[in-house]
Amino acid sequence: MGDRSSERLGAVAGLIATVAVGVPVLLDVVFGDGTMIDGPLWLWWIAYLVFVAAFVVDATRGERSTSRFERRALLAVEIGAACGTFLIDPQYGWAIVLVVVTAGSGAYSLPPTGSKVQVLGQSLLIGAGLLGSGVSSGDAALTVVVYGSFQAFAVLVVNSEQREAMARTDLAATNVELRATSALLSESTQTAERLRIARELHDVIGHKLTALSLELEVASHQVGGDGLVHVDRAKDTAKTLLGDMRTAVGELRSPGYGLTATLQALVEDLPTLDVSLRIFEEADVDDDHGLVIVRCVQEIVTNTLRHARAEHLWITVRTNPEAVTIEARDDGRGAAVIEPGNGLVGMRERVEDLSGELIVDSVSGRGFHVTVRIPST
């Protein structure tokens, strides 16, 4: 299960718990005497509905916002509304569930120290609210311990899920990097072997065919009659073989880069990301261009895994006699401001070394769009 799927499942569970808090009060208003809440009922509903609205917005923010300020502002509204709902009538025990839900929400937005402070503060508020409503100190302490444990458990579960998601992402990104390195090494080894064979053909067989042609040329001047016909045929055959050998050597020296197989190997079986890769090879690319293409696709995939929080990535690679182009986009959270890291900087340097250009575009909530264009010559 991907990290976004886990968050959605947690959001659904939190929403069910939140709705469960309001249902008994609603049933009491509709079918009862409306006295379940010992306090201003209208104020309780305002606080409760504010919490519901803030929680829903917070639960879906991952697809629309990456702002730390917005995340923490929503969390502050959740905490305030949950605590307000509880304090209006501390003896309506179900309202404490909202406080537990905020602890889980806070674990997604706050660092571990911040979550600890949140749990401690909310637990103290529960105790103060219960004591202020006339609950005995023993019952208040027991409630604080129980619901403090629930909050701590919610935080631990979220933190554990986040660590596992991060580990899966790092493993997938590392796997992509290893595949790219392995593919490049394999391609380099094959190229080196082709060059060795080409040299052997040229130096050994080529020289011997040349020597044979010269010997046959001499022989053609020393024989006559039917023998001359056979010597001329042998001369033609030797020249044809020499031409074929030179053609084969040229093809071995510049066979074109194995682009399709290499790129497809990079994007197979990624556990948290569905990659759609399309490759249009309208012209061969040399080793330098092939290396940059592979490294760019690798960087796009690993950045998407680590930072985009995307479920789908679409990549199109096209080679033609004029240029090599790479188009990539994802359905992740995007960013209002792009802060280039080492990977993006290295990617830009590789592209510019071949007189190409790299364009990275993003809008918060609308994913990333990457365009690479490199002249073929």
Protein backbone atom coordinates (compact mmCIF):
# COMPACT_ATOMS: atom_id res chain seq x y z
CA MET A 1 0.00 0.00 0.00
CA GLY A 2 1.40 3.41 -0.99
CA ASP A 3 1.87 6.21 1.49
CA ARG A 4 -0.94 8.24 -0.04
CA SER A 5 -3.28 5.25 0.21
CA SER A 6 -2.32 4.83 3.86
CA GLU A 7 -3.03 8.49 4.54
CA ARG A 8 -6.41 8.21 2.86
CA LEU A 9 -7.28 5.16 4.94
CA GLY A 10 -6.26 7.04 8.09
CA ALA A 11 -8.32 10.06 7.00
CA VAL A 12 -11.37 7.86 6.45
CA ALA A 13 -10.95 6.27 9.89
CA GLY A 14 -10.58 9.72 11.48
CA LEU A 15 -13.65 11.00 9.68
CA ILE A 16 -15.73 8.02 10.85
CA ALA A 17 -14.63 8.66 14.44
CA THR A 18 -15.46 12.36 14.05
CA VAL A 19 -18.92 11.69 12.68
CA ALA A 20 -19.55 9.19 15.50
CA VAL A 21 -19.08 12.03 18.00
CA GLY A 22 -21.85 14.13 16.48
CA VAL A 23 -24.39 11.41 15.70
CA PRO A 24 -25.62 10.87 19.32
CA VAL A 25 -26.08 14.62 19.79
CA LEU A 26 -27.97 14.89 16.50
CA LEU A 27 -30.24 11.97 17.42
CA ASP A 28 -30.91 13.59 20.80
CA VAL A 29 -31.90 16.84 19.10
CA VAL A 30 -34.18 15.11 16.57
CA PHE A 31 -35.74 12.38 18.70
CA GLY A 32 -34.94 13.39 22.27
CA ASP A 33 -35.20 16.45 24.41
CA GLY A 34 -31.92 18.04 23.21
CA THR A 35 -30.34 18.08 26.66
CA MET A 36 -27.43 15.71 26.04
CA ILE A 37 -25.01 18.65 25.93
CA ASP A 38 -24.78 20.54 29.21
CA GLY A 39 -23.95 23.91 27.72
CA PRO A 40 -24.86 26.15 24.77
CA LEU A 41 -25.93 23.61 22.17
CA TRP A 42 -25.59 26.07 19.29
CA LEU A 43 -22.00 26.86 20.32
CA TRP A 44 -21.19 23.15 20.59
CA TRP A 45 -22.43 22.59 17.05
CA ILE A 46 -20.40 25.52 15.72
CA ALA A 47 -17.20 24.19 17.30
CA TYR A 48 -17.95 20.66 16.16
CA LEU A 49 -18.73 21.61 12.55
CA VAL A 50 -15.63 23.84 12.39
CA PHE A 51 -13.59 20.83 13.42
CA VAL A 52 -15.25 18.63 10.78
CA ALA A 53 -14.60 21.20 8.06
CA ALA A 54 -10.97 21.74 9.10
CA PHE A 55 -10.35 17.99 9.30
CA VAL A 56 -11.78 17.35 5.82
CA VAL A 57 -9.69 20.16 4.32
CA ASP A 58 -6.60 18.90 6.16
CA ALA A 59 -7.20 15.31 5.05
CA THR A 60 -7.31 16.33 1.38
CA ARG A 61 -4.58 18.97 1.49
CA GLY A 62 -1.94 16.58 0.15
CA GLU A 63 -3.43 16.91 -3.35
CA ARG A 64 -3.72 20.71 -3.22
CA SER A 65 -1.12 22.29 -0.98
CA THR A 66 2.47 21.97 0.11
CA SER A 67 2.59 25.05 2.31
CA ARG A 68 3.88 24.35 5.81
CA PHE A 69 2.04 27.44 7.08
CA GLU A 70 -1.25 26.19 5.66
CA ARG A 71 -0.78 22.72 7.14
CA ARG A 72 -0.08 24.07 10.59
CA ALA A 73 -2.84 26.69 10.36
CA LEU A 74 -5.34 23.92 9.61
CA LEU A 75 -3.96 21.89 12.51
CA ALA A 76 -4.33 24.87 14.84
CA VAL A 77 -7.98 25.23 13.79
CA GLU A 78 -8.54 21.50 14.39
CA ILE A 79 -6.96 21.66 17.85
CA GLY A 80 -8.91 24.78 18.82
CA ALA A 81 -12.23 23.39 17.58
CA ALA A 82 -11.66 19.97 19.17
CA CYS A 83 -10.70 21.49 22.52
CA GLY A 84 -13.62 23.92 22.32
CA THR A 85 -16.07 21.12 21.58
CA PHE A 86 -14.75 19.19 24.58
CA LEU A 87 -14.68 22.15 27.00
CA ILE A 88 -18.28 23.21 26.29
CA ASP A 89 -19.33 19.99 28.00
CA PRO A 90 -16.36 18.00 29.37
CA GLN A 91 -18.65 15.29 30.70
CA TYR A 92 -19.85 14.38 27.20
CA GLY A 93 -17.05 11.83 26.91
CA TRP A 94 -17.27 11.18 23.20
CA ALA A 95 -15.95 14.68 22.46
CA ILE A 96 -12.52 13.58 23.71
CA VAL A 97 -12.32 11.42 20.57
CA LEU A 98 -11.84 14.62 18.58
CA VAL A 99 -8.73 15.38 20.63
CA VAL A 100 -7.34 11.95 19.80
CA VAL A 101 -8.04 12.55 16.11
CA THR A 102 -6.11 15.84 16.23
CA ALA A 103 -3.11 13.98 17.68
CA GLY A 104 -3.07 11.75 14.59
CA SER A 105 -3.45 14.77 12.29
CA GLY A 106 -0.63 16.56 14.10
CA ALA A 107 1.73 13.65 13.55
CA TYR A 108 1.47 14.24 9.78
CA SER A 109 2.28 17.96 10.10
CA LEU A 110 4.59 18.29 13.12
CA PRO A 111 8.05 16.93 13.91
CA PRO A 112 8.21 14.28 16.68
CA THR A 113 8.98 16.88 19.37
CA GLY A 114 6.02 18.97 18.28
CA SER A 115 3.72 15.94 18.47
CA LYS A 116 4.91 15.20 22.01
CA VAL A 117 4.17 18.77 23.07
CA GLN A 118 0.74 18.57 21.43
CA VAL A 119 -0.17 15.31 23.19
CA LEU A 120 1.04 16.63 26.56
CA GLY A 121 -0.84 19.93 26.18
CA GLN A 122 -4.07 18.25 25.09
CA SER A 123 -3.84 15.72 27.93
CA LEU A 124 -3.42 18.51 30.50
CA LEU A 125 -6.38 20.34 28.98
CA ILE A 126 -8.52 17.19 29.28
CA GLY A 127 -7.62 16.90 32.94
CA ALA A 128 -8.31 20.59 33.62
CA GLY A 129 -11.63 20.44 31.81
CA LEU A 130 -12.79 17.39 33.73
CA LEU A 131 -11.73 18.82 37.09
CA GLY A 132 -13.48 22.09 36.26
CA SER A 133 -16.72 20.28 35.48
CA GLY A 134 -16.78 18.57 38.88
CA VAL A 135 -15.30 15.20 38.01
CA SER A 136 -13.30 13.66 40.84
CA SER A 137 -9.53 13.89 40.65
CA GLY A 138 -9.19 10.10 40.46
CA ASP A 139 -11.59 9.78 37.51
CA ALA A 140 -9.99 12.78 35.82
CA ALA A 141 -6.51 11.27 36.21
CA LEU A 142 -7.68 7.92 34.84
CA THR A 143 -9.29 9.60 31.84
CA VAL A 144 -6.14 11.61 31.18
CA VAL A 145 -4.01 8.46 31.26
CA VAL A 146 -6.37 6.50 29.00
CA TYR A 147 -6.86 9.18 26.38
CA GLY A 148 -3.26 10.33 26.64
CA SER A 149 -2.29 6.75 25.76
CA PHE A 150 -4.71 6.79 22.83
CA GLN A 151 -3.12 10.00 21.55
CA ALA A 152 0.39 8.63 21.95
CA PHE A 153 -0.63 5.44 20.15
CA ALA A 154 -2.10 7.44 17.26
CA VAL A 155 1.12 9.44 16.95
CA LEU A 156 3.27 6.28 17.06
CA VAL A 157 1.18 4.59 14.38
CA VAL A 158 1.42 7.60 12.07
CA ASN A 159 5.16 8.00 12.68
CA SER A 160 5.73 4.30 12.04
CA GLU A 161 3.76 4.47 8.80
CA GLN A 162 5.74 7.53 7.71
CA ARG A 163 9.06 5.81 8.43
CA GLU A 164 7.98 2.74 6.48
CA ALA A 165 6.78 4.88 3.57
CA MET A 166 10.08 6.78 3.57
CA ALA A 167 12.02 3.53 3.65
CA ARG A 168 10.01 2.14 0.72
CA THR A 169 10.56 5.34 -1.23
CA ASP A 170 14.30 5.40 -0.54
CA LEU A 171 14.59 1.74 -1.49
CA ALA A 172 12.70 2.28 -4.74
CA ALA A 173 14.78 5.36 -5.62
CA THR A 174 18.02 3.54 -4.82
CA ASN A 175 16.88 0.62 -6.95
CA VAL A 176 16.28 2.98 -9.89
CA GLU A 177 19.77 4.44 -9.46
CA LEU A 178 21.31 0.96 -9.34
CA ARG A 179 19.41 -0.09 -12.44
CA ALA A 180 20.62 3.01 -14.29
CA THR A 181 24.22 2.43 -13.23
CA SER A 182 24.02 -1.25 -14.13
CA ALA A 183 22.49 -0.47 -17.54
CA LEU A 184 25.13 2.16 -18.28
CA LEU A 185 27.91 -0.20 -17.19
CA SER A 186 26.50 -2.97 -19.37
CA GLU A 187 26.21 -0.60 -22.33
CA SER A 188 29.78 0.61 -21.73
CA THR A 189 31.05 -2.96 -21.55
CA GLN A 190 29.25 -3.91 -24.77
CA THR A 191 30.60 -0.82 -26.51
CA ALA A 192 34.13 -1.61 -25.40
CA GLU A 193 33.75 -5.20 -26.64
CA ARG A 194 32.40 -4.03 -30.01
CA LEU A 195 35.34 -1.65 -30.36
CA ARG A 196 37.78 -4.48 -29.53
CA ILE A 197 36.21 -6.74 -32.16
CA ALA A 198 36.23 -3.88 -34.68
CA ARG A 199 39.93 -3.28 -34.10
CA GLU A 200 40.70 -6.98 -34.43
CA LEU A 201 38.78 -7.19 -37.70
CA HIS A 202 40.52 -4.11 -39.05
CA ASP A 203 44.03 -4.94 -37.86
CA VAL A 204 44.12 -8.67 -38.56
CA ILE A 205 41.59 -9.64 -41.19
CA GLY A 206 41.64 -6.28 -42.93
CA HIS A 207 45.40 -6.29 -43.32
CA LYS A 208 45.43 -9.88 -44.54
CA LEU A 209 42.69 -9.18 -47.10
CA THR A 210 44.67 -6.18 -48.29
CA ALA A 211 47.80 -8.33 -48.60
CA LEU A 212 45.79 -10.97 -50.46
CA SER A 213 44.50 -8.35 -52.90
CA LEU A 214 48.06 -7.17 -53.59
CA GLU A 215 49.31 -10.75 -54.14
CA LEU A 216 46.46 -11.41 -56.55
CA GLU A 217 47.25 -8.17 -58.37
CA VAL A 218 50.84 -9.36 -58.84
CA ALA A 219 49.66 -12.81 -59.90
CA SER A 220 47.37 -11.31 -62.55
CA HIS A 221 50.44 -9.95 -64.32
CA GLN A 222 52.27 -13.27 -64.25
CA VAL A 223 49.65 -15.71 -65.52
CA GLY A 224 47.66 -15.91 -68.69
CA GLY A 225 44.96 -17.95 -70.37
CA ASP A 226 42.33 -19.63 -68.20
CA GLY A 227 44.44 -19.05 -65.09
CA LEU A 228 44.08 -15.28 -65.46
CA VAL A 229 40.28 -15.58 -65.38
CA HIS A 230 40.40 -17.33 -62.02
CA VAL A 231 42.90 -14.83 -60.61
CA ASP A 232 40.67 -11.92 -61.65
CA ARG A 233 37.71 -13.57 -59.97
CA ALA A 234 39.76 -14.03 -56.80
CA LYS A 235 40.78 -10.35 -56.96
CA ASP A 236 37.12 -9.26 -57.19
CA THR A 237 36.17 -11.55 -54.32
CA ALA A 238 38.97 -10.20 -52.13
CA LYS A 239 37.95 -6.60 -52.85
CA THR A 240 34.31 -7.40 -52.06
CA LEU A 241 35.31 -9.05 -48.78
CA LEU A 242 37.47 -6.08 -47.88
CA GLY A 243 34.58 -3.69 -48.51
CA ASP A 244 32.18 -5.85 -46.49
CA MET A 245 34.66 -6.03 -43.63
CA ARG A 246 35.08 -2.24 -43.60
CA THR A 247 31.28 -1.81 -43.50
CA ALA A 248 31.01 -4.27 -40.61
CA VAL A 249 33.78 -2.46 -38.71
CA GLY A 250 32.00 0.86 -39.20
CA GLU A 251 28.73 -0.58 -37.87
CA LEU A 252 30.51 -2.07 -34.86
CA ARG A 253 32.11 1.27 -34.06
CA SER A 254 28.83 3.20 -34.14
CA PRO A 255 25.94 0.75 -33.55
CA GLY A 256 23.61 3.24 -31.81
CA TYR A 257 22.65 3.31 -28.15
CA GLY A 258 20.31 0.63 -26.73
CA LEU A 259 17.88 3.22 -25.42
CA THR A 260 14.53 1.42 -25.20
CA ALA A 261 15.65 -1.60 -23.19
CA THR A 262 17.75 0.56 -20.85
CA LEU A 263 14.94 3.02 -20.04
CA GLN A 264 12.29 0.34 -19.65
CA ALA A 265 14.48 -1.40 -17.09
CA LEU A 266 14.53 1.78 -14.98
CA VAL A 267 10.77 2.06 -14.51
CA GLU A 268 9.72 -1.56 -14.01
CA ASP A 269 8.11 -2.78 -10.78
CA LEU A 270 8.17 0.44 -8.77
CA PRO A 271 6.05 -0.28 -5.67
CA THR A 272 4.67 3.23 -5.07
CA LEU A 273 4.62 4.80 -8.53
CA ASP A 274 2.96 3.87 -11.82
CA VAL A 275 5.19 5.03 -14.70
CA SER A 276 3.95 5.29 -18.27
CA LEU A 277 6.99 5.36 -20.57
CA ARG A 278 6.77 6.03 -24.31
CA ILE A 279 9.89 5.98 -26.51
CA PHE A 280 9.99 7.08 -30.14
CA GLU A 281 13.39 6.25 -31.65
CA GLU A 282 13.36 8.01 -35.00
CA ALA A 283 17.17 8.23 -35.04
CA ASP A 284 20.06 6.57 -33.22
CA VAL A 285 21.85 8.44 -30.46
CA ASP A 286 25.52 8.32 -29.61
CA ASP A 287 26.94 7.31 -26.23
CA ASP A 288 27.09 10.88 -24.90
CA HIS A 289 23.44 11.59 -25.67
CA GLY A 290 22.40 8.14 -24.44
CA LEU A 291 24.14 8.69 -21.12
CA VAL A 292 22.39 12.05 -20.58
CA ILE A 293 18.99 10.60 -21.51
CA VAL A 294 19.35 7.72 -19.06
CA ARG A 295 20.56 9.97 -16.24
CA CYS A 296 17.78 12.49 -16.86
CA VAL A 297 15.07 9.83 -16.79
CA GLN A 298 16.64 8.33 -13.67
CA GLU A 299 16.64 11.71 -11.92
CA ILE A 300 13.04 12.41 -12.94
CA VAL A 301 11.88 9.07 -11.54
CA THR A 302 13.82 9.34 -8.27
CA ASN A 303 12.69 12.94 -7.69
CA THR A 304 9.10 11.92 -8.27
CA LEU A 305 9.45 9.05 -5.82
CA ARG A 306 11.09 11.12 -3.10
CA HIS A 307 9.40 14.49 -3.35
CA ALA A 308 6.29 14.60 -5.55
CA ARG A 309 3.97 12.29 -3.56
CA ALA A 310 2.61 11.23 -6.94
CA GLU A 311 0.81 8.08 -7.98
CA HIS A 312 1.41 8.39 -11.73
CA LEU A 313 4.31 9.61 -13.85
CA TRP A 314 4.18 10.03 -17.62
CA ILE A 315 7.46 10.15 -19.59
CA THR A 316 7.90 10.56 -23.35
CA VAL A 317 11.33 10.26 -24.99
CA ARG A 318 11.76 11.10 -28.65
CA THR A 319 14.93 10.98 -30.76
CA ASN A 320 15.11 12.38 -34.29
CA PRO A 321 17.89 13.73 -36.53
CA GLU A 322 17.39 17.26 -35.16
CA ALA A 323 17.02 16.80 -31.41
CA VAL A 324 16.41 14.56 -28.43
CA THR A 325 13.43 15.54 -26.27
CA ILE A 326 12.18 14.28 -22.92
CA GLU A 327 8.75 15.29 -21.59
CA ALA A 328 7.71 14.22 -18.08
CA ARG A 329 4.81 15.11 -15.82
CA ASP A 330 3.30 13.68 -12.64
CA ASP A 331 0.08 13.99 -10.66
CA GLY A 332 1.80 14.88 -7.39
CA ARG A 333 1.47 17.82 -5.06
CA GLY A 334 3.72 20.17 -7.04
CA ALA A 335 5.33 23.23 -5.51
CA ALA A 336 4.74 26.97 -5.61
CA VAL A 337 8.51 27.55 -5.50
CA ILE A 338 11.04 25.15 -7.04
CA GLU A 339 14.21 24.73 -4.99
CA PRO A 340 16.79 22.85 -7.10
CA GLY A 341 18.68 20.13 -5.26
CA ASN A 342 21.93 18.43 -6.24
CA GLY A 343 20.12 16.02 -8.54
CA LEU A 344 18.34 18.73 -10.51
CA VAL A 345 21.50 20.85 -10.69
CA GLY A 346 23.51 17.87 -11.99
CA MET A 347 20.78 17.10 -14.50
CA ARG A 348 20.88 20.68 -15.80
CA GLU A 349 24.68 20.58 -16.07
CA ARG A 350 24.61 17.37 -18.11
CA VAL A 351 22.03 18.81 -20.49
CA GLU A 352 23.83 22.13 -20.92
CA ASP A 353 27.13 20.33 -21.61
CA LEU A 354 25.47 19.11 -24.82
CA SER A 355 24.08 22.60 -25.60
CA GLY A 356 20.60 21.58 -24.48
CA GLU A 357 18.02 23.17 -22.20
CA LEU A 358 16.11 21.97 -19.15
CA ILE A 359 12.75 23.49 -18.14
CA VAL A 360 11.08 22.58 -14.85
CA ASP A 361 7.58 23.91 -14.27
CA SER A 362 5.27 23.32 -11.31
CA VAL A 363 2.14 24.70 -9.70
CA SER A 364 1.14 23.84 -6.16
CA GLY A 365 -1.31 20.96 -6.27
CA ARG A 366 -0.80 20.29 -10.00
CA GLY A 367 2.40 18.25 -10.13
CA PHE A 368 5.70 18.81 -11.92
CA HIS A 369 6.36 19.17 -15.65
CA VAL A 370 9.92 18.62 -16.91
CA THR A 371 11.09 19.29 -20.46
CA VAL A 372 14.56 18.41 -21.79
CA ARG A 373 15.67 19.29 -25.31
CA ILE A 374 19.16 18.46 -26.62
CA PRO A 375 20.39 19.03 -30.21
CA SER A 376 21.32 15.76 -31.89
CA THR A 377 24.56 17.21 -33.24
